[in-house]
N, C-alpha and C. Protein backbone atom coordinates (compact mmCIF):
# COMPACT_ATOMS: atom_id res chain seq x y z
N MET A 1 0.84 -1.16 0.00
CA MET A 1 0.00 0.00 0.00
C MET A 1 0.89 1.22 0.00
N SER A 2 0.99 1.89 -1.09
CA SER A 2 1.93 2.98 -1.22
C SER A 2 1.41 4.29 -0.66
N ASP A 3 0.13 4.52 -0.65
CA ASP A 3 -0.44 5.75 -0.14
C ASP A 3 -0.42 5.72 1.38
N SER A 4 0.09 6.79 2.01
CA SER A 4 0.19 6.81 3.46
C SER A 4 -1.15 7.11 4.12
N LYS A 5 -2.07 7.67 3.42
CA LYS A 5 -3.40 7.96 3.98
C LYS A 5 -4.31 6.77 3.73
N GLN A 6 -5.37 6.70 4.52
CA GLN A 6 -6.36 5.64 4.31
C GLN A 6 -6.97 5.81 2.94
N ALA A 7 -6.95 4.77 2.16
CA ALA A 7 -7.54 4.79 0.84
C ALA A 7 -8.07 3.39 0.56
N GLY A 8 -9.10 3.34 -0.22
CA GLY A 8 -9.66 2.04 -0.55
C GLY A 8 -11.12 1.98 -0.16
N ASP A 9 -11.67 0.79 -0.31
CA ASP A 9 -13.08 0.56 -0.04
C ASP A 9 -13.28 0.15 1.41
N PRO A 10 -14.12 0.88 2.17
CA PRO A 10 -14.38 0.51 3.56
C PRO A 10 -15.01 -0.88 3.65
N VAL A 11 -14.66 -1.59 4.71
CA VAL A 11 -15.20 -2.92 4.97
C VAL A 11 -15.98 -2.84 6.28
N GLU A 12 -17.21 -3.32 6.27
CA GLU A 12 -18.01 -3.31 7.49
C GLU A 12 -17.55 -4.44 8.41
N ILE A 13 -17.32 -4.11 9.67
CA ILE A 13 -16.79 -5.06 10.64
C ILE A 13 -17.74 -5.17 11.83
N ASP A 14 -17.96 -6.39 12.29
CA ASP A 14 -18.71 -6.63 13.52
C ASP A 14 -17.71 -6.67 14.66
N TYR A 15 -17.49 -5.52 15.29
CA TYR A 15 -16.47 -5.41 16.34
C TYR A 15 -16.82 -6.21 17.59
N SER A 16 -18.06 -6.61 17.74
CA SER A 16 -18.45 -7.38 18.93
C SER A 16 -17.75 -8.74 18.99
N ARG A 17 -17.17 -9.18 17.88
CA ARG A 17 -16.46 -10.47 17.84
C ARG A 17 -15.03 -10.39 18.37
N TYR A 18 -14.58 -9.17 18.67
CA TYR A 18 -13.17 -8.97 19.00
C TYR A 18 -12.97 -8.63 20.47
N ASP A 19 -11.70 -8.53 20.87
CA ASP A 19 -11.33 -8.22 22.25
C ASP A 19 -11.74 -6.79 22.61
N ALA A 20 -11.64 -6.48 23.89
CA ALA A 20 -12.11 -5.20 24.42
C ALA A 20 -11.43 -3.99 23.76
N GLN A 21 -10.12 -4.06 23.55
CA GLN A 21 -9.41 -2.93 22.95
C GLN A 21 -9.87 -2.68 21.51
N THR A 22 -10.05 -3.75 20.76
CA THR A 22 -10.49 -3.61 19.38
C THR A 22 -11.91 -3.07 19.33
N LYS A 23 -12.76 -3.56 20.22
CA LYS A 23 -14.14 -3.05 20.29
C LYS A 23 -14.16 -1.57 20.61
N LYS A 24 -13.31 -1.16 21.56
CA LYS A 24 -13.30 0.23 21.99
C LYS A 24 -12.73 1.16 20.92
N LEU A 25 -11.65 0.76 20.29
CA LEU A 25 -10.95 1.63 19.33
C LEU A 25 -11.50 1.55 17.90
N GLU A 26 -12.17 0.44 17.58
CA GLU A 26 -12.77 0.23 16.26
C GLU A 26 -11.92 0.77 15.10
N PRO A 27 -10.81 0.11 14.82
CA PRO A 27 -9.99 0.59 13.70
C PRO A 27 -10.77 0.56 12.39
N ALA A 28 -10.50 1.52 11.54
CA ALA A 28 -11.11 1.53 10.21
C ALA A 28 -10.50 0.38 9.41
N VAL A 29 -11.35 -0.42 8.79
CA VAL A 29 -10.86 -1.52 7.96
C VAL A 29 -11.30 -1.24 6.53
N TYR A 30 -10.36 -1.39 5.62
CA TYR A 30 -10.66 -1.13 4.22
C TYR A 30 -9.86 -2.06 3.33
N ARG A 31 -10.30 -2.15 2.10
CA ARG A 31 -9.65 -3.01 1.12
C ARG A 31 -9.06 -2.15 0.02
N GLN A 32 -7.81 -2.46 -0.31
CA GLN A 32 -7.15 -1.80 -1.42
C GLN A 32 -6.50 -2.89 -2.26
N GLY A 33 -7.12 -3.16 -3.38
CA GLY A 33 -6.63 -4.26 -4.21
C GLY A 33 -6.86 -5.58 -3.51
N ASP A 34 -5.81 -6.38 -3.39
CA ASP A 34 -5.90 -7.69 -2.74
C ASP A 34 -5.57 -7.65 -1.25
N VAL A 35 -5.34 -6.46 -0.71
CA VAL A 35 -4.90 -6.33 0.67
C VAL A 35 -5.99 -5.65 1.50
N PHE A 36 -6.18 -6.16 2.72
CA PHE A 36 -7.06 -5.51 3.69
C PHE A 36 -6.18 -4.80 4.69
N ALA A 37 -6.63 -3.64 5.14
CA ALA A 37 -5.86 -2.85 6.11
C ALA A 37 -6.75 -2.41 7.25
N ALA A 38 -6.16 -2.29 8.43
CA ALA A 38 -6.84 -1.76 9.61
C ALA A 38 -6.00 -0.59 10.11
N LEU A 39 -6.67 0.53 10.41
CA LEU A 39 -5.95 1.74 10.78
C LEU A 39 -6.70 2.52 11.85
N SER A 40 -5.98 2.93 12.87
CA SER A 40 -6.44 3.91 13.84
C SER A 40 -5.45 5.06 13.76
N GLY A 41 -5.94 6.24 13.50
CA GLY A 41 -5.06 7.40 13.42
C GLY A 41 -5.09 8.01 12.03
N PRO A 42 -4.30 9.05 11.84
CA PRO A 42 -4.36 9.81 10.60
C PRO A 42 -3.75 9.10 9.38
N ASP A 43 -2.74 8.28 9.61
CA ASP A 43 -2.09 7.58 8.51
C ASP A 43 -1.29 6.40 9.06
N ARG A 44 -0.77 5.58 8.17
CA ARG A 44 -0.09 4.36 8.62
C ARG A 44 1.26 4.61 9.29
N GLU A 45 1.86 5.76 9.03
CA GLU A 45 3.15 6.05 9.65
C GLU A 45 3.01 6.49 11.10
N THR A 46 1.99 7.29 11.40
CA THR A 46 1.84 7.79 12.77
C THR A 46 0.73 7.09 13.54
N GLY A 47 -0.16 6.42 12.86
CA GLY A 47 -1.25 5.71 13.52
C GLY A 47 -0.87 4.27 13.83
N ILE A 48 -1.86 3.51 14.23
CA ILE A 48 -1.70 2.07 14.45
C ILE A 48 -2.21 1.40 13.18
N TYR A 49 -1.38 0.57 12.54
CA TYR A 49 -1.69 0.04 11.22
C TYR A 49 -1.35 -1.43 11.13
N GLY A 50 -2.22 -2.18 10.48
CA GLY A 50 -1.94 -3.58 10.18
C GLY A 50 -2.60 -3.96 8.88
N GLU A 51 -2.02 -4.93 8.20
CA GLU A 51 -2.62 -5.38 6.95
C GLU A 51 -2.54 -6.89 6.84
N GLY A 52 -3.42 -7.44 6.00
CA GLY A 52 -3.45 -8.88 5.82
C GLY A 52 -4.29 -9.28 4.63
N ASP A 53 -4.38 -10.58 4.40
CA ASP A 53 -5.13 -11.11 3.26
C ASP A 53 -6.63 -11.12 3.48
N THR A 54 -7.06 -10.95 4.74
CA THR A 54 -8.48 -10.93 5.09
C THR A 54 -8.70 -9.81 6.10
N PRO A 55 -9.94 -9.38 6.31
CA PRO A 55 -10.18 -8.39 7.36
C PRO A 55 -9.71 -8.87 8.74
N ASP A 56 -9.95 -10.14 9.06
CA ASP A 56 -9.49 -10.67 10.35
C ASP A 56 -7.97 -10.62 10.47
N ALA A 57 -7.27 -10.95 9.40
CA ALA A 57 -5.81 -10.90 9.42
C ALA A 57 -5.32 -9.47 9.58
N ALA A 58 -5.99 -8.52 8.96
CA ALA A 58 -5.62 -7.11 9.10
C ALA A 58 -5.82 -6.65 10.54
N ILE A 59 -6.94 -7.04 11.15
CA ILE A 59 -7.20 -6.67 12.54
C ILE A 59 -6.20 -7.34 13.47
N LYS A 60 -5.85 -8.58 13.20
CA LYS A 60 -4.84 -9.27 14.01
C LYS A 60 -3.49 -8.54 13.92
N ALA A 61 -3.10 -8.12 12.72
CA ALA A 61 -1.85 -7.37 12.55
C ALA A 61 -1.94 -6.01 13.23
N TRP A 62 -3.11 -5.36 13.13
CA TRP A 62 -3.33 -4.08 13.81
C TRP A 62 -3.20 -4.26 15.32
N ARG A 63 -3.77 -5.33 15.85
CA ARG A 63 -3.72 -5.62 17.29
C ARG A 63 -2.27 -5.81 17.75
N SER A 64 -1.47 -6.50 16.92
CA SER A 64 -0.04 -6.68 17.23
C SER A 64 0.68 -5.33 17.23
N ALA A 65 0.35 -4.48 16.25
CA ALA A 65 0.97 -3.14 16.18
C ALA A 65 0.55 -2.30 17.39
N LEU A 66 -0.71 -2.43 17.82
CA LEU A 66 -1.18 -1.72 19.00
C LEU A 66 -0.39 -2.16 20.24
N GLN A 67 -0.22 -3.46 20.41
CA GLN A 67 0.53 -3.98 21.55
C GLN A 67 1.99 -3.52 21.50
N GLU A 68 2.57 -3.53 20.31
CA GLU A 68 3.96 -3.09 20.15
C GLU A 68 4.10 -1.61 20.54
N ARG A 69 3.15 -0.78 20.10
CA ARG A 69 3.18 0.64 20.44
C ARG A 69 3.02 0.83 21.95
N PHE A 70 2.10 0.10 22.55
CA PHE A 70 1.88 0.18 23.99
C PHE A 70 3.15 -0.22 24.74
N ASP A 71 3.77 -1.31 24.33
CA ASP A 71 4.99 -1.78 24.98
C ASP A 71 6.11 -0.75 24.84
N LYS A 72 6.20 -0.11 23.68
CA LYS A 72 7.22 0.90 23.45
C LYS A 72 7.02 2.10 24.38
N LEU A 73 5.76 2.47 24.58
CA LEU A 73 5.45 3.62 25.43
C LEU A 73 5.56 3.31 26.92
N HIS A 74 5.17 2.10 27.30
CA HIS A 74 5.08 1.76 28.72
C HIS A 74 6.06 0.69 29.18
N GLY A 75 6.75 0.07 28.26
CA GLY A 75 7.70 -0.95 28.64
C GLY A 75 7.04 -2.08 29.39
N ASP A 76 7.75 -2.65 30.32
CA ASP A 76 7.25 -3.77 31.09
C ASP A 76 6.56 -3.33 32.38
N GLU A 77 6.42 -2.02 32.60
CA GLU A 77 5.88 -1.54 33.89
C GLU A 77 4.49 -2.05 34.18
N LEU A 78 3.68 -2.35 33.16
CA LEU A 78 2.31 -2.79 33.39
C LEU A 78 2.10 -4.29 33.17
N LYS A 79 3.14 -4.98 32.78
CA LYS A 79 3.04 -6.43 32.58
C LYS A 79 3.28 -7.14 33.90
N HIS A 80 2.48 -8.13 34.20
CA HIS A 80 2.67 -8.91 35.42
C HIS A 80 2.60 -10.37 35.08
C-alpha cells in the first residue's frame, strides 16, 4: 500500500467479535486491491496500522501493532 493515507473501499466489521481494545478503538478496515488494512489514526506512519489477506488478518496485525506501540510507550511496567 503505497499511499500513506487511508484509501480504498471501507469494509463493514462486527467489532463485537473482537477483544475489548479492538471493540473500543474500532480501527477503520478497508480493502485496497488484494490487501485488507486496519488503521487507527491519521495515517499508517503515525497511527496504528496492520494489513493482511483478510479483514481478520488485518485486525490481528493491527492488534499486534497496538501492543507493540503500547509496549514501546510503557515498557514492562504494566506487565505482570
